[in-house]
Amino acid sequence: MSGAPSLAIGTREQVLSAIRAGERFAVVTHENLDGDALGSLIAMQALLRALGKDAVIVIAAEEFPLPPEYSFFALDGLCTQAPEDLGARTTIFLDCGNLDRNPLAAMREAEPLINIDHHHDNTRFGTINHVVEEASCTAEIVWDLIGALGVEISPTTAEALYVGLVTDTGRFSYESTTPRAHLMAAELIGAGVDVGRLYRQIYEDTPLAKLELLGRALASARRFEDERLMVAVLTGADFAATGADDSYAEGIVDYLRAVKDTKVAALIREVCAGCRAGARKVSLRASDDDVDVSAIARAFGGGGHRRAAGFTSDLPASELIDAIRARI
């Protein structure tokens, strides 16, 4: 990582010491996994295993299937519930702003707990809190730790880190894209990332059902607050009619945000069959810093970034729209 300064020296050294001292680890992230969550998980497990540690990834069963764009990830050593020896493991939370964003109660109660994240609204819930707000993504923080521990980045680890980087920077278009992010990208490409193939995997090869779901979302879109707020709603019937998985809704809200003059975009969708009855997931995006959508999400128990956040609620769509309008 030539030319790249280290991140948050004090807590960084605490994390490095804990990794060196520990023998068994459990690695977890937030619900509704995105590219940064998955990429950080896989890269952290690879780091720990390269050091000779016993490391498992813990993802709740209801999070599967993964979004199709991430289906190529191999999750070796996956647990879909808390491991029986959790009390003997150090738990590492990645890319998770608050404990409630992980659906497994046992993982939320684990000790010791290392919290590694870049969200500005992180609640600092860990025994060690390595929260680096200036980082473009949590994968960047993991990349920094890999370099500090002198571990060589394999092509598979490089791919995982690159997915976290490219998705959380909006393909290097968000304000979080720094010179350091490009240094990271250069190193990962040098380590074996096939940029074209990964781009096609993440942003192309779209299932027809996902395109049909997008069409239904756009057809439902409405504008409020002098056209500054754009809202779309997807019902259970929309998912059933298209045959789309819940994960196919990923990215739809960005189409809404891209509409001219839109300050805030919201996608409200009913959760998939088998999930919490009556619940709706809300994805929020802002076009600039005039509105902090993470503050709206926190009011409903969620969280995220100033320009990208989300939450889950039992309120009907009409009440959620009213609540969002009242808060911007």
C-alpha atoms as a PDB file:
ATOM      1  CA  MET A   1       0.000   0.000   0.000  1.00  0.00           C
ATOM      2  CA  SER A   2       2.667   2.440  -1.040  1.00  0.00           C
ATOM      3  CA  GLY A   3       1.685   6.072  -0.549  1.00  0.00           C
ATOM      4  CA  ALA A   4      -1.476   5.217   1.449  1.00  0.00           C
ATOM      5  CA  PRO A   5      -1.475   6.522   5.038  1.00  0.00           C
ATOM      6  CA  SER A   6      -2.814   4.265   7.780  1.00  0.00           C
ATOM      7  CA  LEU A   7      -6.268   4.783   9.247  1.00  0.00           C
ATOM      8  CA  ALA A   8      -7.225   5.753  12.836  1.00  0.00           C
ATOM      9  CA  ILE A   9      -3.926   4.800  14.452  1.00  0.00           C
ATOM     10  CA  GLY A  10      -5.173   4.249  18.019  1.00  0.00           C
ATOM     11  CA  THR A  11      -8.033   1.848  17.415  1.00  0.00           C
ATOM     12  CA  ARG A  12      -6.214   0.283  14.471  1.00  0.00           C
ATOM     13  CA  GLU A  13      -3.455  -0.894  16.784  1.00  0.00           C
ATOM     14  CA  GLN A  14      -6.037  -2.315  19.204  1.00  0.00           C
ATOM     15  CA  VAL A  15      -7.626  -4.332  16.402  1.00  0.00           C
ATOM     16  CA  LEU A  16      -4.260  -5.569  15.159  1.00  0.00           C
ATOM     17  CA  SER A  17      -3.310  -6.676  18.682  1.00  0.00           C
ATOM     18  CA  ALA A  18      -6.625  -8.504  19.138  1.00  0.00           C
ATOM     19  CA  ILE A  19      -6.218 -10.293  15.811  1.00  0.00           C
ATOM     20  CA  ARG A  20      -2.673 -11.338  16.638  1.00  0.00           C
ATOM     21  CA  ALA A  21      -3.665 -12.582  20.103  1.00  0.00           C
ATOM     22  CA  GLY A  22      -6.900 -14.393  19.181  1.00  0.00           C
ATOM     23  CA  GLU A  23      -7.194 -17.946  17.940  1.00  0.00           C
ATOM     24  CA  ARG A  24     -10.887 -18.328  17.056  1.00  0.00           C
ATOM     25  CA  PHE A  25     -13.124 -15.724  15.430  1.00  0.00           C
ATOM     26  CA  ALA A  26     -16.704 -15.263  14.193  1.00  0.00           C
ATOM     27  CA  VAL A  27     -17.208 -12.664  11.466  1.00  0.00           C
ATOM     28  CA  VAL A  28     -20.619 -11.018  10.957  1.00  0.00           C
ATOM     29  CA  THR A  29     -22.278  -8.029   9.298  1.00  0.00           C
ATOM     30  CA  HIS A  30     -25.683  -6.364   8.909  1.00  0.00           C
ATOM     31  CA  GLU A  31     -28.930  -7.732   7.482  1.00  0.00           C
ATOM     32  CA  ASN A  32     -29.769  -7.277   3.778  1.00  0.00           C
ATOM     33  CA  LEU A  33     -26.186  -7.862   2.728  1.00  0.00           C
ATOM     34  CA  ASP A  34     -24.691  -5.564   0.115  1.00  0.00           C
ATOM     35  CA  GLY A  35     -21.366  -5.615  -1.712  1.00  0.00           C
ATOM     36  CA  ASP A  36     -19.361  -3.926   1.028  1.00  0.00           C
ATOM     37  CA  ALA A  37     -20.764  -6.209   3.733  1.00  0.00           C
ATOM     38  CA  LEU A  38     -20.021  -9.376   1.771  1.00  0.00           C
ATOM     39  CA  GLY A  39     -16.671  -8.224   0.460  1.00  0.00           C
ATOM     40  CA  SER A  40     -15.519  -7.200   3.926  1.00  0.00           C
ATOM     41  CA  LEU A  41     -16.706 -10.488   5.454  1.00  0.00           C
ATOM     42  CA  ILE A  42     -14.896 -12.636   2.928  1.00  0.00           C
ATOM     43  CA  ALA A  43     -11.703 -10.591   3.034  1.00  0.00           C
ATOM     44  CA  MET A  44     -11.616 -10.546   6.843  1.00  0.00           C
ATOM     45  CA  GLN A  45     -12.066 -14.311   7.023  1.00  0.00           C
ATOM     46  CA  ALA A  46      -9.279 -14.742   4.456  1.00  0.00           C
ATOM     47  CA  LEU A  47      -7.009 -12.471   6.512  1.00  0.00           C
ATOM     48  CA  LEU A  48      -7.636 -14.434   9.697  1.00  0.00           C
ATOM     49  CA  ARG A  49      -7.122 -17.789   8.002  1.00  0.00           C
ATOM     50  CA  ALA A  50      -3.896 -16.588   6.392  1.00  0.00           C
ATOM     51  CA  LEU A  51      -2.654 -15.955   9.935  1.00  0.00           C
ATOM     52  CA  GLY A  52      -3.572 -19.499  10.958  1.00  0.00           C
ATOM     53  CA  LYS A  53      -6.751 -18.540  12.829  1.00  0.00           C
ATOM     54  CA  ASP A  54     -10.035 -20.454  12.997  1.00  0.00           C
ATOM     55  CA  ALA A  55     -12.557 -18.061  11.407  1.00  0.00           C
ATOM     56  CA  VAL A  56     -16.207 -18.659  10.497  1.00  0.00           C
ATOM     57  CA  ILE A  57     -18.651 -16.377   8.704  1.00  0.00           C
ATOM     58  CA  VAL A  58     -22.065 -16.103  10.384  1.00  0.00           C
ATOM     59  CA  ILE A  59     -25.027 -15.074   8.206  1.00  0.00           C
ATOM     60  CA  ALA A  60     -28.638 -15.747   9.247  1.00  0.00           C
ATOM     61  CA  ALA A  61     -30.484 -18.299   7.109  1.00  0.00           C
ATOM     62  CA  GLU A  62     -33.162 -15.772   6.137  1.00  0.00           C
ATOM     63  CA  GLU A  63     -30.550 -13.707   4.277  1.00  0.00           C
ATOM     64  CA  PHE A  64     -30.407 -16.356   1.541  1.00  0.00           C
ATOM     65  CA  PRO A  65     -30.501 -16.502  -1.373  1.00  0.00           C
ATOM     66  CA  LEU A  66     -27.984 -13.707  -1.798  1.00  0.00           C
ATOM     67  CA  PRO A  67     -28.663 -11.077  -4.467  1.00  0.00           C
ATOM     68  CA  PRO A  68     -27.808 -12.635  -7.852  1.00  0.00           C
ATOM     69  CA  GLU A  69     -24.967 -10.187  -8.461  1.00  0.00           C
ATOM     70  CA  TYR A  70     -23.166 -11.636  -5.434  1.00  0.00           C
ATOM     71  CA  SER A  71     -24.007 -15.287  -5.983  1.00  0.00           C
ATOM     72  CA  PHE A  72     -20.489 -16.025  -7.246  1.00  0.00           C
ATOM     73  CA  PHE A  73     -19.033 -15.542  -3.755  1.00  0.00           C
ATOM     74  CA  ALA A  74     -17.943 -18.776  -2.091  1.00  0.00           C
ATOM     75  CA  LEU A  75     -18.795 -18.688   1.624  1.00  0.00           C
ATOM     76  CA  ASP A  76     -16.460 -21.276   3.078  1.00  0.00           C
ATOM     77  CA  GLY A  77     -17.012 -22.065   6.748  1.00  0.00           C
ATOM     78  CA  LEU A  78     -20.484 -20.509   6.729  1.00  0.00           C
ATOM     79  CA  CYS A  79     -22.718 -20.748   9.817  1.00  0.00           C
ATOM     80  CA  THR A  80     -26.385 -19.754   9.529  1.00  0.00           C
ATOM     81  CA  GLN A  81     -26.742 -19.483  13.299  1.00  0.00           C
ATOM     82  CA  ALA A  82     -24.404 -18.617  16.138  1.00  0.00           C
ATOM     83  CA  PRO A  83     -21.649 -21.280  16.473  1.00  0.00           C
ATOM     84  CA  GLU A  84     -21.872 -23.473  19.567  1.00  0.00           C
ATOM     85  CA  ASP A  85     -18.449 -22.289  20.750  1.00  0.00           C
ATOM     86  CA  LEU A  86     -19.286 -18.590  20.294  1.00  0.00           C
ATOM     87  CA  GLY A  87     -18.189 -17.827  23.865  1.00  0.00           C
ATOM     88  CA  ALA A  88     -14.678 -18.955  22.978  1.00  0.00           C
ATOM     89  CA  ARG A  89     -14.506 -16.774  19.857  1.00  0.00           C
ATOM     90  CA  THR A  90     -13.809 -13.108  19.267  1.00  0.00           C
ATOM     91  CA  THR A  91     -16.672 -11.676  17.206  1.00  0.00           C
ATOM     92  CA  ILE A  92     -15.891  -9.103  14.509  1.00  0.00           C
ATOM     93  CA  PHE A  93     -18.786  -6.962  13.285  1.00  0.00           C
ATOM     94  CA  LEU A  94     -18.134  -5.423   9.863  1.00  0.00           C
ATOM     95  CA  ASP A  95     -19.975  -2.557   8.151  1.00  0.00           C
ATOM     96  CA  CYS A  96     -22.699  -2.547  10.829  1.00  0.00           C
ATOM     97  CA  GLY A  97     -23.767   0.804  12.271  1.00  0.00           C
ATOM     98  CA  ASN A  98     -25.633  -0.642  15.245  1.00  0.00           C
ATOM     99  CA  LEU A  99     -26.215  -4.032  16.824  1.00  0.00           C
ATOM    100  CA  ASP A 100     -29.887  -4.166  15.906  1.00  0.00           C
ATOM    101  CA  ARG A 101     -28.939  -4.447  12.237  1.00  0.00           C
ATOM    102  CA  ASN A 102     -27.841  -8.060  12.776  1.00  0.00           C
ATOM    103  CA  PRO A 103     -30.823 -10.445  13.040  1.00  0.00           C
ATOM    104  CA  LEU A 104     -29.163 -13.044  15.303  1.00  0.00           C
ATOM    105  CA  ALA A 105     -29.663 -12.215  18.989  1.00  0.00           C
ATOM    106  CA  ALA A 106     -26.768 -14.416  20.106  1.00  0.00           C
ATOM    107  CA  MET A 107     -24.348 -12.515  17.886  1.00  0.00           C
ATOM    108  CA  ARG A 108     -25.536  -9.190  19.264  1.00  0.00           C
ATOM    109  CA  GLU A 109     -24.698 -10.418  22.782  1.00  0.00           C
ATOM    110  CA  ALA A 110     -21.257 -11.839  21.933  1.00  0.00           C
ATOM    111  CA  GLU A 111     -18.132 -10.773  23.846  1.00  0.00           C
ATOM    112  CA  PRO A 112     -15.475  -9.700  23.143  1.00  0.00           C
ATOM    113  CA  LEU A 113     -16.710  -7.789  20.120  1.00  0.00           C
ATOM    114  CA  ILE A 114     -14.649  -5.846  17.584  1.00  0.00           C
ATOM    115  CA  ASN A 115     -16.630  -3.227  15.661  1.00  0.00           C
ATOM    116  CA  ILE A 116     -15.086  -2.260  12.293  1.00  0.00           C
ATOM    117  CA  ASP A 117     -17.083   0.228  10.249  1.00  0.00           C
ATOM    118  CA  HIS A 118     -17.104   3.503   8.311  1.00  0.00           C
ATOM    119  CA  HIS A 119     -20.657   4.779   8.936  1.00  0.00           C
ATOM    120  CA  HIS A 120     -20.761   8.200  10.561  1.00  0.00           C
ATOM    121  CA  ASP A 121     -23.696   7.190  12.771  1.00  0.00           C
ATOM    122  CA  ASN A 122     -22.076   4.038  14.180  1.00  0.00           C
ATOM    123  CA  THR A 123     -23.111   3.613  17.829  1.00  0.00           C
ATOM    124  CA  ARG A 124     -19.689   2.362  18.984  1.00  0.00           C
ATOM    125  CA  PHE A 125     -21.143  -0.836  20.449  1.00  0.00           C
ATOM    126  CA  GLY A 126     -17.959  -2.904  20.501  1.00  0.00           C
ATOM    127  CA  THR A 127     -15.342  -3.807  23.046  1.00  0.00           C
ATOM    128  CA  ILE A 128     -13.025  -2.251  20.456  1.00  0.00           C
ATOM    129  CA  ASN A 129     -14.486   0.299  18.030  1.00  0.00           C
ATOM    130  CA  HIS A 130     -12.458   0.895  14.890  1.00  0.00           C
ATOM    131  CA  VAL A 131     -14.772   3.323  13.089  1.00  0.00           C
ATOM    132  CA  VAL A 132     -13.084   5.241  10.264  1.00  0.00           C
ATOM    133  CA  GLU A 133     -15.589   7.706   8.860  1.00  0.00           C
ATOM    134  CA  GLU A 134     -13.235   8.983   6.172  1.00  0.00           C
ATOM    135  CA  ALA A 135     -12.879   5.508   4.662  1.00  0.00           C
ATOM    136  CA  SER A 136     -14.731   5.020   1.378  1.00  0.00           C
ATOM    137  CA  CYS A 137     -16.022   1.628   2.515  1.00  0.00           C
ATOM    138  CA  THR A 138     -15.479  -0.952   5.232  1.00  0.00           C
ATOM    139  CA  ALA A 139     -13.537  -3.032   2.716  1.00  0.00           C
ATOM    140  CA  GLU A 140     -10.966  -0.227   2.659  1.00  0.00           C
ATOM    141  CA  ILE A 141     -10.450  -0.619   6.406  1.00  0.00           C
ATOM    142  CA  VAL A 142      -9.997  -4.384   6.028  1.00  0.00           C
ATOM    143  CA  TRP A 143      -7.517  -3.739   3.194  1.00  0.00           C
ATOM    144  CA  ASP A 144      -5.586  -1.450   5.524  1.00  0.00           C
ATOM    145  CA  LEU A 145      -5.453  -4.154   8.218  1.00  0.00           C
ATOM    146  CA  ILE A 146      -4.263  -6.740   5.692  1.00  0.00           C
ATOM    147  CA  GLY A 147      -1.399  -4.465   4.735  1.00  0.00           C
ATOM    148  CA  ALA A 148      -0.501  -3.754   8.348  1.00  0.00           C
ATOM    149  CA  LEU A 149      -0.313  -7.481   9.096  1.00  0.00           C
ATOM    150  CA  GLY A 150       1.856  -8.176   6.063  1.00  0.00           C
ATOM    151  CA  VAL A 151      -0.540 -10.668   4.480  1.00  0.00           C
ATOM    152  CA  GLU A 152      -0.390 -11.134   0.717  1.00  0.00           C
ATOM    153  CA  ILE A 153      -3.694 -10.477  -1.026  1.00  0.00           C
ATOM    154  CA  SER A 154      -4.855 -13.446  -3.082  1.00  0.00           C
ATOM    155  CA  PRO A 155      -6.894 -12.931  -6.280  1.00  0.00           C
ATOM    156  CA  THR A 156     -10.029 -14.155  -4.442  1.00  0.00           C
ATOM    157  CA  THR A 157      -9.507 -11.714  -1.568  1.00  0.00           C
ATOM    158  CA  ALA A 158      -8.761  -8.923  -4.047  1.00  0.00           C
ATOM    159  CA  GLU A 159     -12.087  -9.588  -5.784  1.00  0.00           C
ATOM    160  CA  ALA A 160     -13.982  -9.438  -2.506  1.00  0.00           C
ATOM    161  CA  LEU A 161     -12.344  -6.161  -1.512  1.00  0.00           C
ATOM    162  CA  TYR A 162     -12.893  -4.679  -4.970  1.00  0.00           C
ATOM    163  CA  VAL A 163     -16.608  -5.522  -4.874  1.00  0.00           C
ATOM    164  CA  GLY A 164     -16.878  -3.721  -1.524  1.00  0.00           C
ATOM    165  CA  LEU A 165     -15.021  -0.731  -2.925  1.00  0.00           C
ATOM    166  CA  VAL A 166     -16.796  -0.377  -6.267  1.00  0.00           C
ATOM    167  CA  THR A 167     -20.319  -0.841  -4.869  1.00  0.00           C
ATOM    168  CA  ASP A 168     -19.956   1.466  -1.850  1.00  0.00           C
ATOM    169  CA  THR A 169     -18.410   4.255  -3.926  1.00  0.00           C
ATOM    170  CA  GLY A 170     -21.098   3.974  -6.596  1.00  0.00           C
ATOM    171  CA  ARG A 171     -18.520   2.890  -9.172  1.00  0.00           C
ATOM    172  CA  PHE A 172     -16.229   5.681  -7.910  1.00  0.00           C
ATOM    173  CA  SER A 173     -18.901   8.366  -8.325  1.00  0.00           C
ATOM    174  CA  TYR A 174     -19.876   9.153  -4.701  1.00  0.00           C
ATOM    175  CA  GLU A 175     -18.330  11.884  -2.597  1.00  0.00           C
ATOM    176  CA  SER A 176     -16.657   9.176  -0.504  1.00  0.00           C
ATOM    177  CA  THR A 177     -14.342   8.386  -3.424  1.00  0.00           C
ATOM    178  CA  THR A 178     -10.912   9.584  -2.300  1.00  0.00           C
ATOM    179  CA  PRO A 179      -7.393   9.321  -3.738  1.00  0.00           C
ATOM    180  CA  ARG A 180      -6.874   6.463  -1.268  1.00  0.00           C
ATOM    181  CA  ALA A 181      -9.818   4.588  -2.822  1.00  0.00           C
ATOM    182  CA  HIS A 182      -8.105   4.733  -6.206  1.00  0.00           C
ATOM    183  CA  LEU A 183      -4.801   3.592  -4.679  1.00  0.00           C
ATOM    184  CA  MET A 184      -6.682   0.635  -3.241  1.00  0.00           C
ATOM    185  CA  ALA A 185      -8.280  -0.145  -6.605  1.00  0.00           C
ATOM    186  CA  ALA A 186      -4.893  -0.049  -8.320  1.00  0.00           C
ATOM    187  CA  GLU A 187      -3.400  -2.499  -5.834  1.00  0.00           C
ATOM    188  CA  LEU A 188      -6.353  -4.884  -6.095  1.00  0.00           C
ATOM    189  CA  ILE A 189      -6.234  -4.869  -9.910  1.00  0.00           C
ATOM    190  CA  GLY A 190      -2.539  -5.636  -9.630  1.00  0.00           C
ATOM    191  CA  ALA A 191      -3.423  -8.546  -7.339  1.00  0.00           C
ATOM    192  CA  GLY A 192      -5.564 -10.168 -10.000  1.00  0.00           C
ATOM    193  CA  VAL A 193      -8.970  -8.467 -10.204  1.00  0.00           C
ATOM    194  CA  ASP A 194     -10.593  -8.860 -13.622  1.00  0.00           C
ATOM    195  CA  VAL A 195     -12.419  -5.523 -13.713  1.00  0.00           C
ATOM    196  CA  GLY A 196     -14.533  -6.268 -16.778  1.00  0.00           C
ATOM    197  CA  ARG A 197     -15.719  -9.642 -15.520  1.00  0.00           C
ATOM    198  CA  LEU A 198     -16.645  -8.285 -12.092  1.00  0.00           C
ATOM    199  CA  TYR A 199     -18.481  -5.342 -13.640  1.00  0.00           C
ATOM    200  CA  ARG A 200     -20.575  -7.707 -15.743  1.00  0.00           C
ATOM    201  CA  GLN A 201     -21.239  -9.914 -12.723  1.00  0.00           C
ATOM    202  CA  ILE A 202     -22.433  -7.039 -10.538  1.00  0.00           C
ATOM    203  CA  TYR A 203     -24.109  -4.649 -12.962  1.00  0.00           C
ATOM    204  CA  GLU A 204     -25.066  -6.763 -15.967  1.00  0.00           C
ATOM    205  CA  ASP A 205     -26.290 -10.355 -16.505  1.00  0.00           C
ATOM    206  CA  THR A 206     -29.601  -9.059 -15.106  1.00  0.00           C
ATOM    207  CA  PRO A 207     -32.374 -11.650 -14.578  1.00  0.00           C
ATOM    208  CA  LEU A 208     -35.515 -10.807 -16.553  1.00  0.00           C
ATOM    209  CA  ALA A 209     -37.572 -10.899 -13.338  1.00  0.00           C
ATOM    210  CA  LYS A 210     -35.417  -8.106 -11.908  1.00  0.00           C
ATOM    211  CA  LEU A 211     -36.046  -5.948 -14.967  1.00  0.00           C
ATOM    212  CA  GLU A 212     -39.793  -6.604 -14.709  1.00  0.00           C
ATOM    213  CA  LEU A 213     -39.721  -5.666 -11.018  1.00  0.00           C
ATOM    214  CA  LEU A 214     -37.935  -2.429 -11.889  1.00  0.00           C
ATOM    215  CA  GLY A 215     -40.677  -1.666 -14.402  1.00  0.00           C
ATOM    216  CA  ARG A 216     -43.353  -2.098 -11.743  1.00  0.00           C
ATOM    217  CA  ALA A 217     -41.448   0.122  -9.311  1.00  0.00           C
ATOM    218  CA  LEU A 218     -41.050   2.901 -11.870  1.00  0.00           C
ATOM    219  CA  ALA A 219     -44.727   2.645 -12.823  1.00  0.00           C
ATOM    220  CA  SER A 220     -45.675   3.197  -9.164  1.00  0.00           C
ATOM    221  CA  ALA A 221     -43.366   6.206  -8.672  1.00  0.00           C
ATOM    222  CA  ARG A 222     -44.911   9.402  -7.319  1.00  0.00           C
ATOM    223  CA  ARG A 223     -43.447  12.822  -6.595  1.00  0.00           C
ATOM    224  CA  PHE A 224     -44.012  14.940  -3.493  1.00  0.00           C
ATOM    225  CA  GLU A 225     -42.723  18.133  -1.903  1.00  0.00           C
ATOM    226  CA  ASP A 226     -42.550  20.182  -5.094  1.00  0.00           C
ATOM    227  CA  GLU A 227     -40.994  17.203  -6.899  1.00  0.00           C
ATOM    228  CA  ARG A 228     -38.063  17.018  -4.459  1.00  0.00           C
ATOM    229  CA  LEU A 229     -39.169  13.632  -3.095  1.00  0.00           C
ATOM    230  CA  MET A 230     -39.582  10.580  -5.342  1.00  0.00           C
ATOM    231  CA  VAL A 231     -41.244   7.478  -3.864  1.00  0.00           C
ATOM    232  CA  ALA A 232     -41.990   4.059  -5.345  1.00  0.00           C
ATOM    233  CA  VAL A 233     -43.799   1.138  -3.698  1.00  0.00           C
ATOM    234  CA  LEU A 234     -43.472  -2.583  -4.408  1.00  0.00           C
ATOM    235  CA  THR A 235     -46.078  -4.953  -3.023  1.00  0.00           C
ATOM    236  CA  GLY A 236     -45.990  -8.664  -2.412  1.00  0.00           C
ATOM    237  CA  ALA A 237     -48.138  -9.013  -5.517  1.00  0.00           C
ATOM    238  CA  ASP A 238     -45.409  -7.350  -7.594  1.00  0.00           C
ATOM    239  CA  PHE A 239     -42.849  -9.891  -6.439  1.00  0.00           C
ATOM    240  CA  ALA A 240     -45.270 -12.769  -7.032  1.00  0.00           C
ATOM    241  CA  ALA A 241     -46.253 -11.620 -10.518  1.00  0.00           C
ATOM    242  CA  THR A 242     -42.660 -11.198 -11.685  1.00  0.00           C
ATOM    243  CA  GLY A 243     -41.204 -14.169  -9.836  1.00  0.00           C
ATOM    244  CA  ALA A 244     -38.584 -11.846  -8.370  1.00  0.00           C
ATOM    245  CA  ASP A 245     -36.725 -12.522  -5.143  1.00  0.00           C
ATOM    246  CA  ASP A 246     -36.643  -9.826  -2.474  1.00  0.00           C
ATOM    247  CA  SER A 247     -32.987  -9.233  -3.332  1.00  0.00           C
ATOM    248  CA  TYR A 248     -33.961  -8.147  -6.866  1.00  0.00           C
ATOM    249  CA  ALA A 249     -35.099  -4.806  -5.443  1.00  0.00           C
ATOM    250  CA  GLU A 250     -31.460  -3.905  -4.757  1.00  0.00           C
ATOM    251  CA  GLY A 251     -30.481  -0.783  -6.704  1.00  0.00           C
ATOM    252  CA  ILE A 252     -33.981   0.276  -7.781  1.00  0.00           C
ATOM    253  CA  VAL A 253     -33.951   3.299  -5.475  1.00  0.00           C
ATOM    254  CA  ASP A 254     -30.946   4.690  -7.380  1.00  0.00           C
ATOM    255  CA  TYR A 255     -33.099   5.005 -10.519  1.00  0.00           C
ATOM    256  CA  LEU A 256     -35.497   7.171  -8.512  1.00  0.00           C
ATOM    257  CA  ARG A 257     -32.723   9.348  -7.113  1.00  0.00           C
ATOM    258  CA  ALA A 258     -31.362   9.971 -10.613  1.00  0.00           C
ATOM    259  CA  VAL A 259     -34.525  11.794 -11.729  1.00  0.00           C
ATOM    260  CA  LYS A 260     -33.904  15.504 -12.284  1.00  0.00           C
ATOM    261  CA  ASP A 261     -34.612  17.800  -9.294  1.00  0.00           C
ATOM    262  CA  THR A 262     -34.996  14.872  -6.881  1.00  0.00           C
ATOM    263  CA  LYS A 263     -33.503  15.602  -3.460  1.00  0.00           C
ATOM    264  CA  VAL A 264     -34.591  12.373  -1.733  1.00  0.00           C
ATOM    265  CA  ALA A 265     -35.712   9.036  -3.166  1.00  0.00           C
ATOM    266  CA  ALA A 266     -37.440   6.226  -1.278  1.00  0.00           C
ATOM    267  CA  LEU A 267     -38.312   2.678  -2.254  1.00  0.00           C
ATOM    268  CA  ILE A 268     -40.842   0.970   0.011  1.00  0.00           C
ATOM    269  CA  ARG A 269     -41.256  -2.766  -0.504  1.00  0.00           C
ATOM    270  CA  GLU A 270     -42.990  -5.589   1.265  1.00  0.00           C
ATOM    271  CA  VAL A 271     -40.574  -8.196   2.576  1.00  0.00           C
ATOM    272  CA  CYS A 272     -40.305 -11.597   0.978  1.00  0.00           C
ATOM    273  CA  ALA A 273     -42.488 -14.552   1.894  1.00  0.00           C
ATOM    274  CA  GLY A 274     -41.240 -16.251   5.025  1.00  0.00           C
ATOM    275  CA  CYS A 275     -39.886 -13.036   6.517  1.00  0.00           C
ATOM    276  CA  ARG A 276     -41.550 -10.914   9.185  1.00  0.00           C
ATOM    277  CA  ALA A 277     -45.267 -10.729   8.397  1.00  0.00           C
ATOM    278  CA  GLY A 278     -46.474  -7.239   7.513  1.00  0.00           C
ATOM    279  CA  ALA A 279     -43.012  -5.698   7.444  1.00  0.00           C
ATOM    280  CA  ARG A 280     -41.757  -3.282   4.813  1.00  0.00           C
ATOM    281  CA  LYS A 281     -38.215  -2.394   3.946  1.00  0.00           C
ATOM    282  CA  VAL A 282     -37.445   1.207   3.092  1.00  0.00           C
ATOM    283  CA  SER A 283     -34.382   2.258   1.106  1.00  0.00           C
ATOM    284  CA  LEU A 284     -33.505   5.963   1.144  1.00  0.00           C
ATOM    285  CA  ARG A 285     -31.154   7.982  -1.060  1.00  0.00           C
ATOM    286  CA  ALA A 286     -30.274  11.677  -1.098  1.00  0.00           C
ATOM    287  CA  SER A 287     -28.763  13.556  -4.014  1.00  0.00           C
ATOM    288  CA  ASP A 288     -26.712  15.878  -1.787  1.00  0.00           C
ATOM    289  CA  ASP A 289     -26.070  16.729   1.867  1.00  0.00           C
ATOM    290  CA  ASP A 290     -29.120  18.976   2.273  1.00  0.00           C
ATOM    291  CA  VAL A 291     -31.007  16.021   3.791  1.00  0.00           C
ATOM    292  CA  ASP A 292     -29.351  13.404   6.019  1.00  0.00           C
ATOM    293  CA  VAL A 293     -31.367  10.282   5.214  1.00  0.00           C
ATOM    294  CA  SER A 294     -29.528   8.300   7.897  1.00  0.00           C
ATOM    295  CA  ALA A 295     -31.303  10.488  10.478  1.00  0.00           C
ATOM    296  CA  ILE A 296     -34.654   9.449   9.003  1.00  0.00           C
ATOM    297  CA  ALA A 297     -33.599   5.796   9.072  1.00  0.00           C
ATOM    298  CA  ARG A 298     -32.389   6.025  12.690  1.00  0.00           C
ATOM    299  CA  ALA A 299     -35.806   7.306  13.759  1.00  0.00           C
ATOM    300  CA  PHE A 300     -37.165   3.900  12.681  1.00  0.00           C
ATOM    301  CA  GLY A 301     -34.332   1.788  14.101  1.00  0.00           C
ATOM    302  CA  GLY A 302     -32.242   1.689  10.930  1.00  0.00           C
ATOM    303  CA  GLY A 303     -29.175   3.607   9.833  1.00  0.00           C
ATOM    304  CA  GLY A 304     -26.636   4.181   7.108  1.00  0.00           C
ATOM    305  CA  HIS A 305     -24.899   7.110   5.455  1.00  0.00           C
ATOM    306  CA  ARG A 306     -25.989  10.708   4.978  1.00  0.00           C
ATOM    307  CA  ARG A 307     -26.909   9.937   1.374  1.00  0.00           C
ATOM    308  CA  ALA A 308     -27.811   6.234   1.586  1.00  0.00           C
ATOM    309  CA  ALA A 309     -29.715   4.561   4.425  1.00  0.00           C
ATOM    310  CA  GLY A 310     -32.541   2.164   5.206  1.00  0.00           C
ATOM    311  CA  PHE A 311     -34.837   0.632   7.791  1.00  0.00           C
ATOM    312  CA  THR A 312     -37.619  -1.913   8.290  1.00  0.00           C
ATOM    313  CA  SER A 313     -41.058  -0.987   9.607  1.00  0.00           C
ATOM    314  CA  ASP A 314     -44.484  -2.526  10.215  1.00  0.00           C
ATOM    315  CA  LEU A 315     -46.263   0.665   9.112  1.00  0.00           C
ATOM    316  CA  PRO A 316     -48.329   0.571   5.904  1.00  0.00           C
ATOM    317  CA  ALA A 317     -46.847   2.258   2.851  1.00  0.00           C
ATOM    318  CA  SER A 318     -49.131   5.316   3.062  1.00  0.00           C
ATOM    319  CA  GLU A 319     -48.043   6.064   6.624  1.00  0.00           C
ATOM    320  CA  LEU A 320     -44.404   5.558   5.748  1.00  0.00           C
ATOM    321  CA  ILE A 321     -44.706   8.083   2.928  1.00  0.00           C
ATOM    322  CA  ASP A 322     -46.278  10.589   5.323  1.00  0.00           C
ATOM    323  CA  ALA A 323     -43.529   9.977   7.880  1.00  0.00           C
ATOM    324  CA  ILE A 324     -40.766  10.483   5.313  1.00  0.00           C
ATOM    325  CA  ARG A 325     -42.380  13.653   4.015  1.00  0.00           C
ATOM    326  CA  ALA A 326     -42.635  15.019   7.545  1.00  0.00           C
ATOM    327  CA  ARG A 327     -38.930  14.481   8.156  1.00  0.00           C
ATOM    328  CA  ILE A 328     -37.462  16.144   5.096  1.00  0.00           C
END
